[in-house]
């Protein structure tokens, strides 16, 4: 894969795969983009994934202005055991933060479809709210019972070691995200 220069209007980290082969030239000229008369276009971070690795390059305008862009998504941290679950809640209580936990199963299509949307939502609420995910098939059943999870996907808001709200995501993903936003915004933190 080769690195490409991309013009975007939002200051966020992009993840994309170039749609042209390595041997061919890009379908656009980077110098043409630099000479563009549109003053609202700026160049931002581009991360190109190749062979499992990801390289991130800071943008010229961000370095010149001394700014770093916010990421467009934050990967959900996987909780794998009951002890880790307790540690996450204890740390959040200490920092006076809330925690969103996605209870999911990797065989569940709705869970798989919802996860990247939650990762984008995590970037919006970082660092006030931390986002985690738990695969119900890889943790002890006692943890699933303790949280009262019955259906997949279930999204819970935890604050001060107590569950404050819950959204069961059996409907359209964008509606689930709106329900989660309302749940977070209505929480008195």
Protein backbone atom coordinates (compact mmCIF):
# COMPACT_ATOMS: atom_id res chain seq x y z
CA UNK A 1 0.00 0.00 0.00
CA UNK A 2 1.18 3.52 -0.57
CA UNK A 3 0.49 6.64 1.43
CA UNK A 4 -1.84 9.19 -0.09
CA UNK A 5 -2.70 12.79 0.68
CA UNK A 6 -6.38 13.32 1.46
CA UNK A 7 -8.34 16.54 1.92
CA UNK A 8 -11.21 16.46 4.41
CA UNK A 9 -13.41 19.02 6.10
CA UNK A 10 -13.58 17.51 9.61
CA UNK A 11 -10.56 17.32 11.91
CA UNK A 12 -10.71 13.58 12.56
CA UNK A 13 -8.58 10.53 11.96
CA UNK A 14 -9.54 8.67 8.80
CA UNK A 15 -9.17 4.97 8.15
CA UNK A 16 -9.39 4.00 4.51
CA UNK A 17 -8.03 1.66 1.94
CA UNK A 18 -6.82 3.16 -1.32
CA UNK A 19 -8.89 1.90 -4.22
CA UNK A 20 -6.06 1.96 -6.73
CA UNK A 21 -3.30 -0.60 -7.06
CA UNK A 22 0.26 0.08 -5.99
CA UNK A 23 1.51 0.06 -9.57
CA UNK A 24 -1.05 2.56 -10.82
CA UNK A 25 -1.05 6.25 -10.05
CA UNK A 26 -3.66 7.83 -7.76
CA UNK A 27 -6.90 8.93 -9.45
CA UNK A 28 -6.23 12.49 -8.30
CA UNK A 29 -3.21 14.72 -8.17
CA UNK A 30 -2.05 15.72 -4.66
CA UNK A 31 -0.62 18.94 -6.11
CA UNK A 32 -4.06 19.74 -7.57
CA UNK A 33 -5.54 19.45 -4.07
CA UNK A 34 -2.93 21.81 -2.66
CA UNK A 35 -3.75 24.42 -5.32
CA UNK A 36 -7.49 24.16 -4.69
CA UNK A 37 -9.33 27.43 -4.41
CA UNK A 38 -11.54 25.98 -1.66
CA UNK A 39 -10.14 27.47 1.51
CA UNK A 40 -12.19 25.21 3.82
CA UNK A 41 -10.24 22.09 2.82
CA UNK A 42 -7.41 21.10 5.12
CA UNK A 43 -5.18 18.06 5.21
CA UNK A 44 -5.51 15.70 8.17
CA UNK A 45 -4.25 12.43 9.54
CA UNK A 46 -4.48 9.41 7.34
CA UNK A 47 -3.95 5.91 8.61
CA UNK A 48 -3.37 3.25 5.99
CA UNK A 49 -3.56 -0.31 7.21
CA UNK A 50 -1.34 -2.75 5.44
CA UNK A 51 -0.51 -6.29 6.54
CA UNK A 52 -2.10 -5.78 9.96
CA UNK A 53 0.02 -2.75 10.88
CA UNK A 54 -1.20 0.80 11.05
CA UNK A 55 0.96 3.87 10.45
CA UNK A 56 -0.23 7.29 11.53
CA UNK A 57 1.18 10.51 10.16
CA UNK A 58 0.42 13.88 11.72
CA UNK A 59 -0.91 16.43 9.29
CA UNK A 60 1.04 19.47 8.20
CA UNK A 61 -1.66 21.89 9.33
CA UNK A 62 -1.96 20.22 12.76
CA UNK A 63 1.78 20.50 13.34
CA UNK A 64 1.80 24.12 12.14
CA UNK A 65 -1.09 25.03 14.43
CA UNK A 66 0.17 22.91 17.34
CA UNK A 67 -3.07 20.93 17.38
CA UNK A 68 -3.78 17.23 17.25
CA UNK A 69 -6.99 15.98 15.74
CA UNK A 70 -9.50 14.00 17.72
CA UNK A 71 -9.92 10.40 16.60
CA UNK A 72 -13.15 9.51 14.85
CA UNK A 73 -13.43 6.31 16.85
CA UNK A 74 -11.96 4.68 19.92
CA UNK A 75 -11.70 0.91 20.05
CA UNK A 76 -13.77 -0.66 22.82
CA UNK A 77 -11.64 -2.29 25.52
CA UNK A 78 -12.42 -5.98 25.97
CA UNK A 79 -13.22 -7.15 29.52
CA UNK A 80 -12.35 -10.82 29.90
CA UNK A 81 -12.95 -11.71 33.55
CA UNK A 82 -14.89 -10.72 36.66
CA UNK A 83 -11.80 -9.28 38.35
CA UNK A 84 -11.14 -6.96 35.40
CA UNK A 85 -14.80 -5.90 35.46
CA UNK A 86 -14.48 -4.93 39.15
CA UNK A 87 -11.21 -3.07 38.48
CA UNK A 88 -12.80 -1.08 35.65
CA UNK A 89 -15.73 -0.05 37.87
CA UNK A 90 -13.39 0.83 40.77
CA UNK A 91 -11.17 2.99 38.54
CA UNK A 92 -14.21 4.74 37.05
CA UNK A 93 -15.56 5.45 40.53
CA UNK A 94 -12.19 6.85 41.61
CA UNK A 95 -12.04 9.14 38.54
CA UNK A 96 -15.76 10.03 38.84
CA UNK A 97 -16.41 8.76 35.32
CA UNK A 98 -19.21 6.70 33.89
CA UNK A 99 -18.75 3.43 32.04
CA UNK A 100 -20.69 2.11 29.06
CA UNK A 101 -20.50 -1.66 28.65
CA UNK A 102 -21.58 -3.46 25.50
CA UNK A 103 -22.62 -7.01 26.37
CA UNK A 104 -22.32 -8.90 23.11
CA UNK A 105 -21.68 -12.24 21.48
CA UNK A 106 -19.43 -12.63 18.47
CA UNK A 107 -22.04 -14.77 16.72
CA UNK A 108 -24.67 -12.01 17.03
CA UNK A 109 -25.03 -9.98 13.79
CA UNK A 110 -26.67 -7.02 15.52
CA UNK A 111 -23.81 -6.91 18.06
CA UNK A 112 -21.19 -6.96 15.33
CA UNK A 113 -22.99 -4.20 13.42
CA UNK A 114 -23.44 -2.06 16.55
CA UNK A 115 -19.84 -2.24 17.81
CA UNK A 116 -18.24 0.19 15.27
CA UNK A 117 -21.04 2.68 15.87
CA UNK A 118 -20.32 2.54 19.60
CA UNK A 119 -16.63 3.08 18.86
CA UNK A 120 -17.54 6.34 17.09
CA UNK A 121 -19.75 7.32 20.02
CA UNK A 122 -16.85 6.59 22.39
CA UNK A 123 -14.77 9.23 20.60
CA UNK A 124 -17.53 11.81 21.16
CA UNK A 125 -17.75 11.23 24.91
CA UNK A 126 -14.07 10.61 25.67
CA UNK A 127 -12.78 11.06 28.44
CA UNK A 128 -16.00 11.70 30.38
CA UNK A 129 -17.38 8.23 29.62
CA UNK A 130 -15.32 5.09 29.01
CA UNK A 131 -16.58 2.35 26.69
CA UNK A 132 -15.95 -1.39 27.14
CA UNK A 133 -17.28 -4.61 25.63
CA UNK A 134 -17.78 -8.07 27.06
CA UNK A 135 -18.27 -11.23 25.05
CA UNK A 136 -20.80 -13.19 27.11
CA UNK A 137 -19.40 -16.48 25.79
CA UNK A 138 -15.88 -15.80 27.10
CA UNK A 139 -16.63 -14.64 30.66
CA UNK A 140 -18.03 -16.61 33.60
CA UNK A 141 -21.82 -16.92 33.64
CA UNK A 142 -21.81 -15.46 37.17
CA UNK A 143 -20.67 -12.10 35.74
CA UNK A 144 -23.44 -12.13 33.12
CA UNK A 145 -26.01 -12.99 35.82
CA UNK A 146 -24.61 -10.31 38.16
CA UNK A 147 -25.18 -7.67 35.48
CA UNK A 148 -28.65 -9.00 34.72
CA UNK A 149 -27.98 -9.45 31.02
CA UNK A 150 -30.63 -11.54 29.25
CA UNK A 151 -30.47 -10.47 25.57
CA UNK A 152 -27.80 -9.48 23.06
CA UNK A 153 -26.76 -6.76 22.50
CA UNK A 154 -27.28 -5.06 25.86
CA UNK A 155 -25.66 -1.71 26.54
CA UNK A 156 -25.42 -0.63 30.17
CA UNK A 157 -24.40 2.63 31.82
CA UNK A 158 -22.53 2.13 35.12
CA UNK A 159 -21.71 4.94 37.55
CA UNK A 160 -20.32 4.56 41.08
CA UNK A 161 -20.37 0.75 40.72
CA UNK A 162 -24.11 0.68 40.06
CA UNK A 163 -25.98 0.16 36.84
CA UNK A 164 -27.77 3.45 36.08
CA UNK A 165 -29.38 2.60 32.74
CA UNK A 166 -29.73 -0.03 30.08
CA UNK A 167 -30.57 -0.22 26.38
CA UNK A 168 -31.36 -3.55 24.77
CA UNK A 169 -30.32 -3.20 21.15
CA UNK A 170 -32.76 -5.36 19.27
CA UNK A 171 -33.80 -2.53 16.93
CA UNK A 172 -32.07 -0.41 14.29
CA UNK A 173 -28.49 0.62 15.21
CA UNK A 174 -28.98 4.38 14.79
CA UNK A 175 -31.98 4.24 17.16
CA UNK A 176 -29.89 2.32 19.69
CA UNK A 177 -27.15 4.97 19.45
CA UNK A 178 -29.72 7.74 20.03
CA UNK A 179 -31.06 5.85 23.08
CA UNK A 180 -27.51 5.54 24.43
CA UNK A 181 -26.88 9.27 23.86
CA UNK A 182 -30.06 10.09 25.80
CA UNK A 183 -29.04 7.70 28.56
CA UNK A 184 -25.58 9.32 28.89
CA UNK A 185 -26.86 12.90 28.65
CA UNK A 186 -29.60 12.31 31.23
CA UNK A 187 -27.14 10.85 33.72
CA UNK A 188 -26.15 13.31 36.47
CA UNK A 189 -22.35 13.05 36.54
